Amino acid sequence: MTGAVARNGDDFALIANTRVQVEDKVGDGYRFREFLVTEDEDAERIRLEDNYPGFLLDARKVSGKPPAACPPYGIPAGCAKGKVG
């Protein structure tokens, strides 16, 4: 996610340049967890952490559309391998 605002009551958080897993919709927002990748000697490890408990992503910044482009970095799911770059 390049940038979105998350809200918890009167508190706001800017979520920028962060990978998140979007979860269920609640009112005008979505629950989410931070998607963290670490590299071990033998594999990459993925962890989902709730680093913003109670915050909801602004629903206007969340879309379930397939990717519009397939950049050669952070390739999104749904990209045809022959069309990357």
N, C-alpha and C. Protein backbone atom coordinates (compact mmCIF):
# COMPACT_ATOMS: atom_id res chain seq x y z
N MET A 1 0.86 -1.16 0.00
CA MET A 1 0.00 0.00 0.00
C MET A 1 0.90 1.22 0.00
N THR A 2 0.71 2.11 -0.94
CA THR A 2 1.56 3.30 -1.01
C THR A 2 1.18 4.30 0.07
N GLY A 3 -0.10 4.40 0.36
CA GLY A 3 -0.51 5.31 1.42
C GLY A 3 -2.00 5.24 1.67
N ALA A 4 -2.37 5.20 2.93
CA ALA A 4 -3.77 5.21 3.32
C ALA A 4 -3.85 5.71 4.76
N VAL A 5 -5.02 6.13 5.14
CA VAL A 5 -5.25 6.58 6.51
C VAL A 5 -6.05 5.51 7.23
N ALA A 6 -5.63 5.21 8.45
CA ALA A 6 -6.39 4.31 9.31
C ALA A 6 -6.91 5.14 10.48
N ARG A 7 -8.09 4.75 10.97
CA ARG A 7 -8.72 5.54 12.03
C ARG A 7 -9.20 4.63 13.16
N ASN A 8 -9.06 5.13 14.37
CA ASN A 8 -9.60 4.48 15.56
C ASN A 8 -10.21 5.58 16.41
N GLY A 9 -11.51 5.81 16.24
CA GLY A 9 -12.16 6.93 16.94
C GLY A 9 -11.61 8.25 16.45
N ASP A 10 -11.06 9.05 17.37
CA ASP A 10 -10.48 10.34 17.00
C ASP A 10 -8.99 10.26 16.71
N ASP A 11 -8.42 9.06 16.72
CA ASP A 11 -7.00 8.86 16.44
C ASP A 11 -6.81 8.41 14.99
N PHE A 12 -5.76 8.92 14.35
CA PHE A 12 -5.46 8.59 12.97
C PHE A 12 -4.03 8.08 12.85
N ALA A 13 -3.79 7.21 11.87
CA ALA A 13 -2.44 6.73 11.57
C ALA A 13 -2.27 6.73 10.06
N LEU A 14 -1.14 7.23 9.59
CA LEU A 14 -0.81 7.17 8.17
C LEU A 14 -0.09 5.85 7.92
N ILE A 15 -0.65 5.03 7.06
CA ILE A 15 -0.05 3.75 6.69
C ILE A 15 0.59 3.97 5.32
N ALA A 16 1.92 4.08 5.29
CA ALA A 16 2.62 4.41 4.05
C ALA A 16 3.72 3.40 3.76
N ASN A 17 3.85 3.04 2.48
CA ASN A 17 4.88 2.10 2.03
C ASN A 17 4.94 0.86 2.92
N THR A 18 3.78 0.31 3.19
CA THR A 18 3.65 -0.83 4.09
C THR A 18 2.81 -1.90 3.43
N ARG A 19 3.24 -3.13 3.57
CA ARG A 19 2.43 -4.25 3.09
C ARG A 19 1.42 -4.60 4.17
N VAL A 20 0.16 -4.72 3.79
CA VAL A 20 -0.87 -5.10 4.75
C VAL A 20 -1.74 -6.19 4.16
N GLN A 21 -2.33 -6.96 5.05
CA GLN A 21 -3.36 -7.92 4.64
C GLN A 21 -4.69 -7.30 5.03
N VAL A 22 -5.52 -7.04 4.04
CA VAL A 22 -6.83 -6.46 4.28
C VAL A 22 -7.78 -7.59 4.67
N GLU A 23 -8.54 -7.34 5.72
CA GLU A 23 -9.44 -8.37 6.23
C GLU A 23 -10.89 -7.92 6.08
N ASP A 24 -11.74 -8.20 7.02
CA ASP A 24 -13.18 -7.95 6.87
C ASP A 24 -13.51 -6.46 6.95
N LYS A 25 -14.62 -6.11 6.27
CA LYS A 25 -15.09 -4.72 6.24
C LYS A 25 -15.92 -4.46 7.48
N VAL A 26 -15.69 -3.30 8.09
CA VAL A 26 -16.43 -2.87 9.27
C VAL A 26 -16.84 -1.42 9.03
N GLY A 27 -18.13 -1.18 8.80
CA GLY A 27 -18.59 0.18 8.53
C GLY A 27 -17.93 0.76 7.30
N ASP A 28 -17.23 1.89 7.47
CA ASP A 28 -16.55 2.57 6.35
C ASP A 28 -15.07 2.23 6.26
N GLY A 29 -14.67 1.11 6.85
CA GLY A 29 -13.26 0.76 6.82
C GLY A 29 -13.04 -0.74 6.81
N TYR A 30 -11.78 -1.12 6.78
CA TYR A 30 -11.39 -2.53 6.79
C TYR A 30 -10.41 -2.78 7.92
N ARG A 31 -10.58 -3.91 8.60
CA ARG A 31 -9.55 -4.36 9.53
C ARG A 31 -8.34 -4.77 8.69
N PHE A 32 -7.17 -4.67 9.28
CA PHE A 32 -5.96 -5.04 8.54
C PHE A 32 -4.88 -5.45 9.51
N ARG A 33 -3.91 -6.19 9.00
CA ARG A 33 -2.72 -6.55 9.76
C ARG A 33 -1.50 -6.29 8.89
N GLU A 34 -0.42 -5.91 9.52
CA GLU A 34 0.83 -5.66 8.80
C GLU A 34 1.42 -6.98 8.33
N PHE A 35 1.89 -7.01 7.09
CA PHE A 35 2.45 -8.19 6.43
C PHE A 35 3.96 -8.01 6.43
N LEU A 36 4.66 -8.79 7.26
CA LEU A 36 6.10 -8.63 7.41
C LEU A 36 6.84 -9.83 6.85
N VAL A 37 7.88 -9.57 6.09
CA VAL A 37 8.70 -10.63 5.50
C VAL A 37 10.11 -10.51 6.05
N THR A 38 10.63 -11.63 6.57
CA THR A 38 12.02 -11.68 7.02
C THR A 38 12.71 -12.82 6.28
N GLU A 39 14.00 -12.67 6.10
CA GLU A 39 14.77 -13.67 5.37
C GLU A 39 15.62 -14.47 6.33
N ASP A 40 15.44 -15.79 6.32
CA ASP A 40 16.31 -16.70 7.06
C ASP A 40 17.30 -17.29 6.07
N GLU A 41 18.22 -18.11 6.56
CA GLU A 41 19.20 -18.73 5.66
C GLU A 41 18.54 -19.63 4.63
N ASP A 42 17.46 -20.31 5.02
CA ASP A 42 16.86 -21.30 4.13
C ASP A 42 15.56 -20.85 3.46
N ALA A 43 14.95 -19.78 3.93
CA ALA A 43 13.66 -19.37 3.35
C ALA A 43 13.26 -17.98 3.83
N GLU A 44 12.25 -17.43 3.17
CA GLU A 44 11.64 -16.20 3.64
C GLU A 44 10.51 -16.57 4.59
N ARG A 45 10.35 -15.81 5.65
CA ARG A 45 9.30 -16.06 6.63
C ARG A 45 8.31 -14.90 6.59
N ILE A 46 7.04 -15.24 6.65
CA ILE A 46 5.98 -14.23 6.62
C ILE A 46 5.27 -14.23 7.97
N ARG A 47 5.08 -13.02 8.51
CA ARG A 47 4.32 -12.86 9.75
C ARG A 47 3.25 -11.80 9.52
N LEU A 48 2.09 -12.02 10.11
CA LEU A 48 1.04 -11.02 10.11
C LEU A 48 0.94 -10.49 11.53
N GLU A 49 1.09 -9.19 11.71
CA GLU A 49 1.05 -8.60 13.04
C GLU A 49 0.02 -7.49 13.09
N ASP A 50 -0.73 -7.45 14.19
CA ASP A 50 -1.70 -6.39 14.41
C ASP A 50 -1.00 -5.25 15.15
N ASN A 51 -0.26 -4.45 14.41
CA ASN A 51 0.49 -3.34 15.00
C ASN A 51 -0.36 -2.08 15.18
N TYR A 52 -1.60 -2.13 14.71
CA TYR A 52 -2.52 -1.00 14.83
C TYR A 52 -3.87 -1.52 15.35
N PRO A 53 -3.91 -2.07 16.57
CA PRO A 53 -5.16 -2.66 17.08
C PRO A 53 -6.28 -1.63 17.16
N GLY A 54 -7.44 -2.01 16.64
CA GLY A 54 -8.60 -1.13 16.67
C GLY A 54 -8.69 -0.15 15.53
N PHE A 55 -7.63 0.00 14.73
CA PHE A 55 -7.64 0.93 13.60
C PHE A 55 -8.26 0.24 12.38
N LEU A 56 -8.97 1.03 11.57
CA LEU A 56 -9.57 0.55 10.33
C LEU A 56 -9.03 1.38 9.17
N LEU A 57 -8.66 0.70 8.08
CA LEU A 57 -8.24 1.40 6.86
C LEU A 57 -9.44 2.07 6.23
N ASP A 58 -9.25 3.28 5.74
CA ASP A 58 -10.29 3.99 5.01
C ASP A 58 -10.68 3.16 3.79
N ALA A 59 -11.95 2.79 3.70
CA ALA A 59 -12.43 1.90 2.62
C ALA A 59 -12.22 2.50 1.24
N ARG A 60 -12.11 3.82 1.13
CA ARG A 60 -11.92 4.44 -0.18
C ARG A 60 -10.56 4.10 -0.78
N LYS A 61 -9.60 3.66 0.05
CA LYS A 61 -8.26 3.32 -0.44
C LYS A 61 -8.09 1.82 -0.69
N VAL A 62 -9.14 1.05 -0.49
CA VAL A 62 -9.04 -0.40 -0.65
C VAL A 62 -9.88 -0.81 -1.84
N SER A 63 -9.26 -1.55 -2.76
CA SER A 63 -9.99 -2.03 -3.93
C SER A 63 -9.65 -3.49 -4.14
N GLY A 64 -10.61 -4.24 -4.56
CA GLY A 64 -10.38 -5.66 -4.83
C GLY A 64 -10.07 -5.91 -6.29
N LYS A 65 -9.75 -4.85 -7.03
CA LYS A 65 -9.48 -4.98 -8.46
C LYS A 65 -8.16 -5.71 -8.70
N PRO A 66 -8.06 -6.39 -9.84
CA PRO A 66 -6.77 -7.00 -10.18
C PRO A 66 -5.76 -5.88 -10.47
N PRO A 67 -4.46 -6.18 -10.39
CA PRO A 67 -3.45 -5.15 -10.63
C PRO A 67 -3.56 -4.56 -12.03
N ALA A 68 -3.33 -3.25 -12.12
CA ALA A 68 -3.38 -2.57 -13.42
C ALA A 68 -2.06 -2.70 -14.17
N ALA A 69 -0.98 -2.97 -13.44
CA ALA A 69 0.34 -3.10 -14.04
C ALA A 69 1.11 -4.18 -13.30
N CYS A 70 2.16 -4.65 -13.91
CA CYS A 70 2.99 -5.70 -13.30
C CYS A 70 4.43 -5.20 -13.20
N PRO A 71 4.74 -4.39 -12.18
CA PRO A 71 6.10 -3.88 -12.05
C PRO A 71 7.07 -5.01 -11.72
N PRO A 72 8.35 -4.86 -12.05
CA PRO A 72 9.33 -5.91 -11.82
C PRO A 72 9.74 -6.05 -10.36
N TYR A 73 9.19 -5.24 -9.48
CA TYR A 73 9.48 -5.34 -8.05
C TYR A 73 8.15 -5.59 -7.33
N GLY A 74 8.13 -6.40 -6.31
CA GLY A 74 6.91 -6.65 -5.55
C GLY A 74 5.76 -7.08 -6.43
N ILE A 75 6.00 -8.04 -7.29
CA ILE A 75 5.02 -8.44 -8.30
C ILE A 75 3.71 -8.87 -7.63
N PRO A 76 2.60 -8.18 -7.93
CA PRO A 76 1.33 -8.53 -7.32
C PRO A 76 0.76 -9.83 -7.89
N ALA A 77 -0.05 -10.50 -7.07
CA ALA A 77 -0.71 -11.71 -7.54
C ALA A 77 -1.58 -11.36 -8.75
N GLY A 78 -1.71 -12.26 -9.68
CA GLY A 78 -2.54 -12.03 -10.85
C GLY A 78 -1.77 -11.55 -12.06
N CYS A 79 -0.50 -11.24 -11.92
CA CYS A 79 0.31 -10.83 -13.07
C CYS A 79 0.72 -12.05 -13.88
N ALA A 80 0.56 -11.95 -15.19
CA ALA A 80 1.05 -13.01 -16.07
C ALA A 80 2.57 -12.88 -16.12
N LYS A 81 3.27 -13.97 -15.93
CA LYS A 81 4.73 -13.92 -15.86
C LYS A 81 5.36 -13.34 -17.12
N GLY A 82 4.71 -13.47 -18.26
CA GLY A 82 5.26 -12.94 -19.50
C GLY A 82 5.09 -11.44 -19.65
N LYS A 83 4.35 -10.79 -18.73
CA LYS A 83 4.06 -9.37 -18.86
C LYS A 83 4.71 -8.52 -17.77
N VAL A 84 5.62 -9.07 -17.02
CA VAL A 84 6.26 -8.31 -15.94
C VAL A 84 7.27 -7.34 -16.52
N GLY A 85 7.28 -6.11 -15.98
CA GLY A 85 8.28 -5.13 -16.38
C GLY A 85 7.75 -4.03 -17.24
